């Protein structure tokens, strides 16, 4: 069995670094502000490779600057048990 882990999206950090608002990013990606919000909060179950590619192009970054993989034990230390439990429940829906 694979150890459980959490994927964290770092879109807030990139938006702040580039002094860009979610509305502007949504326009550049051709999506809704709600989609940007779901990516920022991690409330998505999939991210298309072409979307990841566009984000990397917009922010001139690598995929690892947008997403971070952290083991459950580290996620529990950073964000608490409740966060990790909600994350896994959401993915299991």
PDB file of N, CA and C in Angstrom:
ATOM      1  N   UNK A   1       0.843  -1.188   0.000  1.00  0.00           N
ATOM      2  CA  UNK A   1       0.000   0.000   0.000  1.00  0.00           C
ATOM      3  C   UNK A   1       0.885   1.247   0.000  1.00  0.00           C
ATOM      4  N   UNK A   2       0.483   2.237  -0.753  1.00  0.00           N
ATOM      5  CA  UNK A   2       1.230   3.486  -0.846  1.00  0.00           C
ATOM      6  C   UNK A   2       0.885   4.357   0.361  1.00  0.00           C
ATOM      7  N   UNK A   3       1.915   4.992   0.939  1.00  0.00           N
ATOM      8  CA  UNK A   3       1.662   5.920   2.039  1.00  0.00           C
ATOM      9  C   UNK A   3       0.804   7.071   1.543  1.00  0.00           C
ATOM     10  N   UNK A   4      -0.093   7.514   2.389  1.00  0.00           N
ATOM     11  CA  UNK A   4      -0.976   8.622   2.033  1.00  0.00           C
ATOM     12  C   UNK A   4      -0.182   9.923   2.029  1.00  0.00           C
ATOM     13  N   UNK A   5      -0.619  10.826   1.179  1.00  0.00           N
ATOM     14  CA  UNK A   5       0.039  12.126   1.071  1.00  0.00           C
ATOM     15  C   UNK A   5      -0.990  13.161   0.651  1.00  0.00           C
ATOM     16  N   UNK A   6      -0.570  14.389   0.696  1.00  0.00           N
ATOM     17  CA  UNK A   6      -1.423  15.526   0.362  1.00  0.00           C
ATOM     18  C   UNK A   6      -0.735  16.341  -0.726  1.00  0.00           C
ATOM     19  N   UNK A   7      -1.529  16.798  -1.686  1.00  0.00           N
ATOM     20  CA  UNK A   7      -1.027  17.701  -2.723  1.00  0.00           C
ATOM     21  C   UNK A   7      -1.499  19.110  -2.351  1.00  0.00           C
ATOM     22  N   UNK A   8      -0.557  20.024  -2.203  1.00  0.00           N
ATOM     23  CA  UNK A   8      -0.857  21.412  -1.853  1.00  0.00           C
ATOM     24  C   UNK A   8      -0.618  22.274  -3.089  1.00  0.00           C
ATOM     25  N   UNK A   9      -1.582  23.131  -3.397  1.00  0.00           N
ATOM     26  CA  UNK A   9      -1.439  24.058  -4.515  1.00  0.00           C
ATOM     27  C   UNK A   9      -0.913  25.382  -4.002  1.00  0.00           C
ATOM     28  N   UNK A  10       0.093  25.907  -4.656  1.00  0.00           N
ATOM     29  CA  UNK A  10       0.764  27.145  -4.256  1.00  0.00           C
ATOM     30  C   UNK A  10       0.379  28.325  -5.145  1.00  0.00           C
ATOM     31  N   UNK A  11      -0.836  28.314  -5.651  1.00  0.00           N
ATOM     32  CA  UNK A  11      -1.268  29.367  -6.555  1.00  0.00           C
ATOM     33  C   UNK A  11      -1.340  30.725  -5.866  1.00  0.00           C
ATOM     34  N   UNK A  12      -1.762  30.757  -4.598  1.00  0.00           N
ATOM     35  CA  UNK A  12      -1.799  32.027  -3.865  1.00  0.00           C
ATOM     36  C   UNK A  12      -0.429  32.695  -3.831  1.00  0.00           C
ATOM     37  N   UNK A  13       0.587  31.894  -3.556  1.00  0.00           N
ATOM     38  CA  UNK A  13       1.953  32.415  -3.488  1.00  0.00           C
ATOM     39  C   UNK A  13       2.381  33.016  -4.824  1.00  0.00           C
ATOM     40  N   UNK A  14       2.085  32.302  -5.917  1.00  0.00           N
ATOM     41  CA  UNK A  14       2.474  32.795  -7.240  1.00  0.00           C
ATOM     42  C   UNK A  14       1.697  34.056  -7.625  1.00  0.00           C
ATOM     43  N   UNK A  15       0.415  34.075  -7.305  1.00  0.00           N
ATOM     44  CA  UNK A  15      -0.374  35.278  -7.590  1.00  0.00           C
ATOM     45  C   UNK A  15       0.201  36.476  -6.845  1.00  0.00           C
ATOM     46  N   UNK A  16       0.551  36.291  -5.589  1.00  0.00           N
ATOM     47  CA  UNK A  16       1.108  37.391  -4.790  1.00  0.00           C
ATOM     48  C   UNK A  16       2.466  37.834  -5.346  1.00  0.00           C
ATOM     49  N   UNK A  17       3.323  36.873  -5.682  1.00  0.00           N
ATOM     50  CA  UNK A  17       4.645  37.206  -6.207  1.00  0.00           C
ATOM     51  C   UNK A  17       4.555  37.998  -7.510  1.00  0.00           C
ATOM     52  N   UNK A  18       3.542  37.693  -8.302  1.00  0.00           N
ATOM     53  CA  UNK A  18       3.393  38.351  -9.606  1.00  0.00           C
ATOM     54  C   UNK A  18       2.390  39.501  -9.567  1.00  0.00           C
ATOM     55  N   UNK A  19       1.946  39.819  -8.336  1.00  0.00           N
ATOM     56  CA  UNK A  19       0.993  40.919  -8.144  1.00  0.00           C
ATOM     57  C   UNK A  19      -0.180  40.794  -9.120  1.00  0.00           C
ATOM     58  N   UNK A  20      -0.739  39.582  -9.160  1.00  0.00           N
ATOM     59  CA  UNK A  20      -1.831  39.284 -10.066  1.00  0.00           C
ATOM     60  C   UNK A  20      -3.044  38.835  -9.248  1.00  0.00           C
ATOM     61  N   UNK A  21      -4.208  39.222  -9.693  1.00  0.00           N
ATOM     62  CA  UNK A  21      -5.440  38.808  -9.029  1.00  0.00           C
ATOM     63  C   UNK A  21      -6.001  37.575  -9.725  1.00  0.00           C
ATOM     64  N   UNK A  22      -6.823  36.840  -9.004  1.00  0.00           N
ATOM     65  CA  UNK A  22      -7.443  35.649  -9.561  1.00  0.00           C
ATOM     66  C   UNK A  22      -8.260  35.933 -10.810  1.00  0.00           C
ATOM     67  N   UNK A  23      -8.893  37.094 -10.843  1.00  0.00           N
ATOM     68  CA  UNK A  23      -9.697  37.492 -12.004  1.00  0.00           C
ATOM     69  C   UNK A  23      -8.811  37.586 -13.244  1.00  0.00           C
ATOM     70  N   UNK A  24      -7.647  38.199 -13.084  1.00  0.00           N
ATOM     71  CA  UNK A  24      -6.723  38.345 -14.219  1.00  0.00           C
ATOM     72  C   UNK A  24      -6.225  36.981 -14.686  1.00  0.00           C
ATOM     73  N   UNK A  25      -5.900  36.098 -13.731  1.00  0.00           N
ATOM     74  CA  UNK A  25      -5.443  34.762 -14.098  1.00  0.00           C
ATOM     75  C   UNK A  25      -6.547  33.996 -14.816  1.00  0.00           C
ATOM     76  N   UNK A  26      -7.769  34.109 -14.337  1.00  0.00           N
ATOM     77  CA  UNK A  26      -8.897  33.435 -14.980  1.00  0.00           C
ATOM     78  C   UNK A  26      -9.033  33.891 -16.431  1.00  0.00           C
ATOM     79  N   UNK A  27      -8.875  35.186 -16.667  1.00  0.00           N
ATOM     80  CA  UNK A  27      -8.950  35.707 -18.031  1.00  0.00           C
ATOM     81  C   UNK A  27      -7.845  35.121 -18.899  1.00  0.00           C
ATOM     82  N   UNK A  28      -6.632  35.055 -18.361  1.00  0.00           N
ATOM     83  CA  UNK A  28      -5.499  34.525 -19.132  1.00  0.00           C
ATOM     84  C   UNK A  28      -5.677  33.042 -19.441  1.00  0.00           C
ATOM     85  N   UNK A  29      -6.262  32.297 -18.496  1.00  0.00           N
ATOM     86  CA  UNK A  29      -6.470  30.864 -18.698  1.00  0.00           C
ATOM     87  C   UNK A  29      -7.745  30.560 -19.473  1.00  0.00           C
ATOM     88  N   UNK A  30      -8.641  31.554 -19.560  1.00  0.00           N
ATOM     89  CA  UNK A  30      -9.914  31.314 -20.222  1.00  0.00           C
ATOM     90  C   UNK A  30     -10.835  30.441 -19.387  1.00  0.00           C
ATOM     91  N   UNK A  31     -10.821  30.663 -18.091  1.00  0.00           N
ATOM     92  CA  UNK A  31     -11.677  29.897 -17.185  1.00  0.00           C
ATOM     93  C   UNK A  31     -12.399  30.859 -16.247  1.00  0.00           C
ATOM     94  N   UNK A  32     -13.167  30.306 -15.330  1.00  0.00           N
ATOM     95  CA  UNK A  32     -13.911  31.150 -14.392  1.00  0.00           C
ATOM     96  C   UNK A  32     -13.073  31.456 -13.157  1.00  0.00           C
ATOM     97  N   UNK A  33     -13.473  32.496 -12.456  1.00  0.00           N
ATOM     98  CA  UNK A  33     -12.832  32.832 -11.185  1.00  0.00           C
ATOM     99  C   UNK A  33     -13.058  31.699 -10.184  1.00  0.00           C
ATOM    100  N   UNK A  34     -14.205  31.026 -10.280  1.00  0.00           N
ATOM    101  CA  UNK A  34     -14.489  29.902  -9.389  1.00  0.00           C
ATOM    102  C   UNK A  34     -13.485  28.764  -9.596  1.00  0.00           C
ATOM    103  N   UNK A  35     -13.093  28.540 -10.838  1.00  0.00           N
ATOM    104  CA  UNK A  35     -12.090  27.506 -11.112  1.00  0.00           C
ATOM    105  C   UNK A  35     -10.762  27.876 -10.460  1.00  0.00           C
ATOM    106  N   UNK A  36     -10.365  29.132 -10.569  1.00  0.00           N
ATOM    107  CA  UNK A  36      -9.126  29.588  -9.934  1.00  0.00           C
ATOM    108  C   UNK A  36      -9.229  29.408  -8.429  1.00  0.00           C
ATOM    109  N   UNK A  37     -10.360  29.746  -7.860  1.00  0.00           N
ATOM    110  CA  UNK A  37     -10.575  29.594  -6.422  1.00  0.00           C
ATOM    111  C   UNK A  37     -10.466  28.131  -6.003  1.00  0.00           C
ATOM    112  N   UNK A  38     -11.039  27.232  -6.800  1.00  0.00           N
ATOM    113  CA  UNK A  38     -10.965  25.798  -6.465  1.00  0.00           C
ATOM    114  C   UNK A  38      -9.527  25.291  -6.539  1.00  0.00           C
ATOM    115  N   UNK A  39      -8.760  25.774  -7.495  1.00  0.00           N
ATOM    116  CA  UNK A  39      -7.349  25.370  -7.572  1.00  0.00           C
ATOM    117  C   UNK A  39      -6.609  25.896  -6.347  1.00  0.00           C
ATOM    118  N   UNK A  40      -6.830  27.164  -6.004  1.00  0.00           N
ATOM    119  CA  UNK A  40      -6.135  27.768  -4.861  1.00  0.00           C
ATOM    120  C   UNK A  40      -6.425  27.014  -3.564  1.00  0.00           C
ATOM    121  N   UNK A  41      -7.653  26.567  -3.396  1.00  0.00           N
ATOM    122  CA  UNK A  41      -8.033  25.897  -2.152  1.00  0.00           C
ATOM    123  C   UNK A  41      -7.825  24.384  -2.203  1.00  0.00           C
ATOM    124  N   UNK A  42      -7.397  23.877  -3.366  1.00  0.00           N
ATOM    125  CA  UNK A  42      -7.181  22.445  -3.493  1.00  0.00           C
ATOM    126  C   UNK A  42      -8.461  21.649  -3.638  1.00  0.00           C
ATOM    127  N   UNK A  43      -9.557  22.306  -3.946  1.00  0.00           N
ATOM    128  CA  UNK A  43     -10.851  21.639  -4.078  1.00  0.00           C
ATOM    129  C   UNK A  43     -11.059  21.136  -5.507  1.00  0.00           C
ATOM    130  N   UNK A  44     -10.026  20.520  -6.059  1.00  0.00           N
ATOM    131  CA  UNK A  44     -10.117  19.907  -7.381  1.00  0.00           C
ATOM    132  C   UNK A  44      -9.562  18.498  -7.275  1.00  0.00           C
ATOM    133  N   UNK A  45     -10.069  17.613  -8.097  1.00  0.00           N
ATOM    134  CA  UNK A  45      -9.600  16.232  -8.081  1.00  0.00           C
ATOM    135  C   UNK A  45      -8.660  15.953  -9.242  1.00  0.00           C
ATOM    136  N   UNK A  46      -8.596  16.874 -10.180  1.00  0.00           N
ATOM    137  CA  UNK A  46      -7.720  16.704 -11.337  1.00  0.00           C
ATOM    138  C   UNK A  46      -7.311  18.079 -11.859  1.00  0.00           C
ATOM    139  N   UNK A  47      -6.125  18.136 -12.407  1.00  0.00           N
ATOM    140  CA  UNK A  47      -5.632  19.341 -13.066  1.00  0.00           C
ATOM    141  C   UNK A  47      -5.054  18.895 -14.397  1.00  0.00           C
ATOM    142  N   UNK A  48      -5.625  19.385 -15.464  1.00  0.00           N
ATOM    143  CA  UNK A  48      -5.170  18.978 -16.793  1.00  0.00           C
ATOM    144  C   UNK A  48      -3.726  19.422 -17.015  1.00  0.00           C
ATOM    145  N   UNK A  49      -2.994  18.605 -17.717  1.00  0.00           N
ATOM    146  CA  UNK A  49      -1.600  18.904 -18.026  1.00  0.00           C
ATOM    147  C   UNK A  49      -1.504  20.199 -18.826  1.00  0.00           C
ATOM    148  N   UNK A  50      -2.430  20.435 -19.750  1.00  0.00           N
ATOM    149  CA  UNK A  50      -2.354  21.668 -20.527  1.00  0.00           C
ATOM    150  C   UNK A  50      -2.613  22.894 -19.652  1.00  0.00           C
ATOM    151  N   UNK A  51      -3.432  22.754 -18.604  1.00  0.00           N
ATOM    152  CA  UNK A  51      -3.643  23.860 -17.663  1.00  0.00           C
ATOM    153  C   UNK A  51      -2.375  24.104 -16.854  1.00  0.00           C
ATOM    154  N   UNK A  52      -1.750  23.031 -16.402  1.00  0.00           N
ATOM    155  CA  UNK A  52      -0.485  23.154 -15.673  1.00  0.00           C
ATOM    156  C   UNK A  52       0.573  23.807 -16.560  1.00  0.00           C
ATOM    157  N   UNK A  53       0.613  23.409 -17.817  1.00  0.00           N
ATOM    158  CA  UNK A  53       1.546  23.998 -18.776  1.00  0.00           C
ATOM    159  C   UNK A  53       1.293  25.502 -18.938  1.00  0.00           C
ATOM    160  N   UNK A  54       0.023  25.890 -19.055  1.00  0.00           N
ATOM    161  CA  UNK A  54      -0.310  27.310 -19.185  1.00  0.00           C
ATOM    162  C   UNK A  54       0.070  28.095 -17.932  1.00  0.00           C
ATOM    163  N   UNK A  55      -0.176  27.508 -16.766  1.00  0.00           N
ATOM    164  CA  UNK A  55       0.202  28.173 -15.518  1.00  0.00           C
ATOM    165  C   UNK A  55       1.717  28.379 -15.455  1.00  0.00           C
ATOM    166  N   UNK A  56       2.469  27.364 -15.852  1.00  0.00           N
ATOM    167  CA  UNK A  56       3.932  27.489 -15.862  1.00  0.00           C
ATOM    168  C   UNK A  56       4.385  28.580 -16.822  1.00  0.00           C
ATOM    169  N   UNK A  57       3.714  28.678 -17.958  1.00  0.00           N
ATOM    170  CA  UNK A  57       4.065  29.712 -18.931  1.00  0.00           C
ATOM    171  C   UNK A  57       3.721  31.101 -18.385  1.00  0.00           C
ATOM    172  N   UNK A  58       2.552  31.248 -17.807  1.00  0.00           N
ATOM    173  CA  UNK A  58       2.118  32.550 -17.268  1.00  0.00           C
ATOM    174  C   UNK A  58       3.057  33.017 -16.162  1.00  0.00           C
ATOM    175  N   UNK A  59       3.421  32.108 -15.261  1.00  0.00           N
ATOM    176  CA  UNK A  59       4.237  32.488 -14.102  1.00  0.00           C
ATOM    177  C   UNK A  59       5.736  32.266 -14.323  1.00  0.00           C
ATOM    178  N   UNK A  60       6.120  31.749 -15.497  1.00  0.00           N
ATOM    179  CA  UNK A  60       7.535  31.475 -15.796  1.00  0.00           C
ATOM    180  C   UNK A  60       8.142  30.624 -14.672  1.00  0.00           C
ATOM    181  N   UNK A  61       7.499  29.484 -14.429  1.00  0.00           N
ATOM    182  CA  UNK A  61       7.929  28.647 -13.312  1.00  0.00           C
ATOM    183  C   UNK A  61       7.891  27.167 -13.702  1.00  0.00           C
ATOM    184  N   UNK A  62       8.228  26.332 -12.763  1.00  0.00           N
ATOM    185  CA  UNK A  62       8.191  24.887 -12.918  1.00  0.00           C
ATOM    186  C   UNK A  62       6.940  24.338 -12.223  1.00  0.00           C
ATOM    187  N   UNK A  63       6.457  23.152 -12.618  1.00  0.00           N
ATOM    188  CA  UNK A  63       5.284  22.565 -11.958  1.00  0.00           C
ATOM    189  C   UNK A  63       5.429  22.473 -10.433  1.00  0.00           C
ATOM    190  N   UNK A  64       6.644  22.221  -9.956  1.00  0.00           N
ATOM    191  CA  UNK A  64       6.879  22.140  -8.520  1.00  0.00           C
ATOM    192  C   UNK A  64       6.704  23.451  -7.786  1.00  0.00           C
ATOM    193  N   UNK A  65       6.667  24.561  -8.536  1.00  0.00           N
ATOM    194  CA  UNK A  65       6.377  25.855  -7.922  1.00  0.00           C
ATOM    195  C   UNK A  65       4.874  26.044  -7.714  1.00  0.00           C
ATOM    196  N   UNK A  66       4.079  25.223  -8.400  1.00  0.00           N
ATOM    197  CA  UNK A  66       2.624  25.324  -8.336  1.00  0.00           C
ATOM    198  C   UNK A  66       2.035  24.278  -7.393  1.00  0.00           C
ATOM    199  N   UNK A  67       2.582  23.073  -7.441  1.00  0.00           N
ATOM    200  CA  UNK A  67       2.071  21.994  -6.597  1.00  0.00           C
ATOM    201  C   UNK A  67       3.183  21.420  -5.732  1.00  0.00           C
ATOM    202  N   UNK A  68       2.797  20.965  -4.552  1.00  0.00           N
ATOM    203  CA  UNK A  68       3.753  20.370  -3.618  1.00  0.00           C
ATOM    204  C   UNK A  68       3.162  19.091  -3.058  1.00  0.00           C
ATOM    205  N   UNK A  69       3.925  18.035  -3.083  1.00  0.00           N
ATOM    206  CA  UNK A  69       3.534  16.740  -2.532  1.00  0.00           C
ATOM    207  C   UNK A  69       4.147  16.613  -1.146  1.00  0.00           C
ATOM    208  N   UNK A  70       3.306  16.414  -0.146  1.00  0.00           N
ATOM    209  CA  UNK A  70       3.838  16.235   1.204  1.00  0.00           C
ATOM    210  C   UNK A  70       3.173  15.023   1.861  1.00  0.00           C
ATOM    211  N   UNK A  71       3.965  14.186   2.527  1.00  0.00           N
ATOM    212  CA  UNK A  71       3.410  13.028   3.227  1.00  0.00           C
ATOM    213  C   UNK A  71       2.423  13.474   4.301  1.00  0.00           C
ATOM    214  N   UNK A  72       1.479  12.585   4.610  1.00  0.00           N
ATOM    215  CA  UNK A  72       0.446  12.897   5.603  1.00  0.00           C
ATOM    216  C   UNK A  72       1.020  13.369   6.931  1.00  0.00           C
ATOM    217  N   UNK A  73       2.072  12.702   7.404  1.00  0.00           N
ATOM    218  CA  UNK A  73       2.599  13.085   8.723  1.00  0.00           C
ATOM    219  C   UNK A  73       3.109  14.527   8.722  1.00  0.00           C
ATOM    220  N   UNK A  74       3.744  14.936   7.643  1.00  0.00           N
ATOM    221  CA  UNK A  74       4.206  16.326   7.535  1.00  0.00           C
ATOM    222  C   UNK A  74       3.026  17.283   7.383  1.00  0.00           C
ATOM    223  N   UNK A  75       2.024  16.876   6.588  1.00  0.00           N
ATOM    224  CA  UNK A  75       0.827  17.707   6.418  1.00  0.00           C
ATOM    225  C   UNK A  75       0.106  17.883   7.749  1.00  0.00           C
ATOM    226  N   UNK A  76       0.064  16.830   8.555  1.00  0.00           N
ATOM    227  CA  UNK A  76      -0.576  16.923   9.872  1.00  0.00           C
ATOM    228  C   UNK A  76       0.171  17.922  10.762  1.00  0.00           C
ATOM    229  N   UNK A  77       1.494  17.916  10.676  1.00  0.00           N
ATOM    230  CA  UNK A  77       2.283  18.855  11.477  1.00  0.00           C
ATOM    231  C   UNK A  77       2.048  20.293  11.012  1.00  0.00           C
ATOM    232  N   UNK A  78       1.998  20.499   9.694  1.00  0.00           N
ATOM    233  CA  UNK A  78       1.836  21.847   9.143  1.00  0.00           C
ATOM    234  C   UNK A  78       0.412  22.384   9.288  1.00  0.00           C
ATOM    235  N   UNK A  79      -0.565  21.519   8.977  1.00  0.00           N
ATOM    236  CA  UNK A  79      -1.941  21.997   8.835  1.00  0.00           C
ATOM    237  C   UNK A  79      -2.936  21.391   9.823  1.00  0.00           C
ATOM    238  N   UNK A  80      -2.531  20.355  10.534  1.00  0.00           N
ATOM    239  CA  UNK A  80      -3.409  19.740  11.519  1.00  0.00           C
ATOM    240  C   UNK A  80      -4.137  18.505  10.996  1.00  0.00           C
ATOM    241  N   UNK A  81      -4.575  17.681  11.933  1.00  0.00           N
ATOM    242  CA  UNK A  81      -5.266  16.440  11.593  1.00  0.00           C
ATOM    243  C   UNK A  81      -6.545  16.694  10.807  1.00  0.00           C
ATOM    244  N   UNK A  82      -7.289  17.709  11.205  1.00  0.00           N
ATOM    245  CA  UNK A  82      -8.571  18.000  10.572  1.00  0.00           C
ATOM    246  C   UNK A  82      -8.393  18.283   9.080  1.00  0.00           C
ATOM    247  N   UNK A  83      -7.375  19.052   8.733  1.00  0.00           N
ATOM    248  CA  UNK A  83      -7.117  19.367   7.324  1.00  0.00           C
ATOM    249  C   UNK A  83      -6.871  18.093   6.525  1.00  0.00           C
ATOM    250  N   UNK A  84      -6.026  17.219   7.037  1.00  0.00           N
ATOM    251  CA  UNK A  84      -5.672  15.996   6.322  1.00  0.00           C
ATOM    252  C   UNK A  84      -6.892  15.085   6.176  1.00  0.00           C
ATOM    253  N   UNK A  85      -7.672  14.953   7.225  1.00  0.00           N
ATOM    254  CA  UNK A  85      -8.870  14.106   7.162  1.00  0.00           C
ATOM    255  C   UNK A  85      -9.862  14.653   6.138  1.00  0.00           C
ATOM    256  N   UNK A  86     -10.097  15.961   6.130  1.00  0.00           N
ATOM    257  CA  UNK A  86     -11.012  16.569   5.156  1.00  0.00           C
ATOM    258  C   UNK A  86     -10.494  16.391   3.734  1.00  0.00           C
ATOM    259  N   UNK A  87      -9.185  16.522   3.567  1.00  0.00           N
ATOM    260  CA  UNK A  87      -8.567  16.364   2.249  1.00  0.00           C
ATOM    261  C   UNK A  87      -8.850  14.964   1.700  1.00  0.00           C
ATOM    262  N   UNK A  88      -8.589  13.948   2.513  1.00  0.00           N
ATOM    263  CA  UNK A  88      -8.785  12.574   2.041  1.00  0.00           C
ATOM    264  C   UNK A  88     -10.263  12.237   1.846  1.00  0.00           C
ATOM    265  N   UNK A  89     -11.136  12.764   2.691  1.00  0.00           N
ATOM    266  CA  UNK A  89     -12.574  12.550   2.500  1.00  0.00           C
ATOM    267  C   UNK A  89     -13.039  13.159   1.189  1.00  0.00           C
ATOM    268  N   UNK A  90     -12.555  14.366   0.894  1.00  0.00           N
ATOM    269  CA  UNK A  90     -12.928  15.033  -0.354  1.00  0.00           C
ATOM    270  C   UNK A  90     -12.498  14.192  -1.564  1.00  0.00           C
ATOM    271  N   UNK A  91     -11.305  13.654  -1.530  1.00  0.00           N
ATOM    272  CA  UNK A  91     -10.829  12.846  -2.662  1.00  0.00           C
ATOM    273  C   UNK A  91     -11.594  11.535  -2.804  1.00  0.00           C
ATOM    274  N   UNK A  92     -12.102  11.030  -1.704  1.00  0.00           N
ATOM    275  CA  UNK A  92     -12.833   9.759  -1.728  1.00  0.00           C
ATOM    276  C   UNK A  92     -14.296   9.908  -2.169  1.00  0.00           C
ATOM    277  N   UNK A  93     -14.780  11.137  -2.255  1.00  0.00           N
ATOM    278  CA  UNK A  93     -16.197  11.361  -2.625  1.00  0.00           C
ATOM    279  C   UNK A  93     -16.466  10.887  -4.034  1.00  0.00           C
TER     280      UNK A  93
END
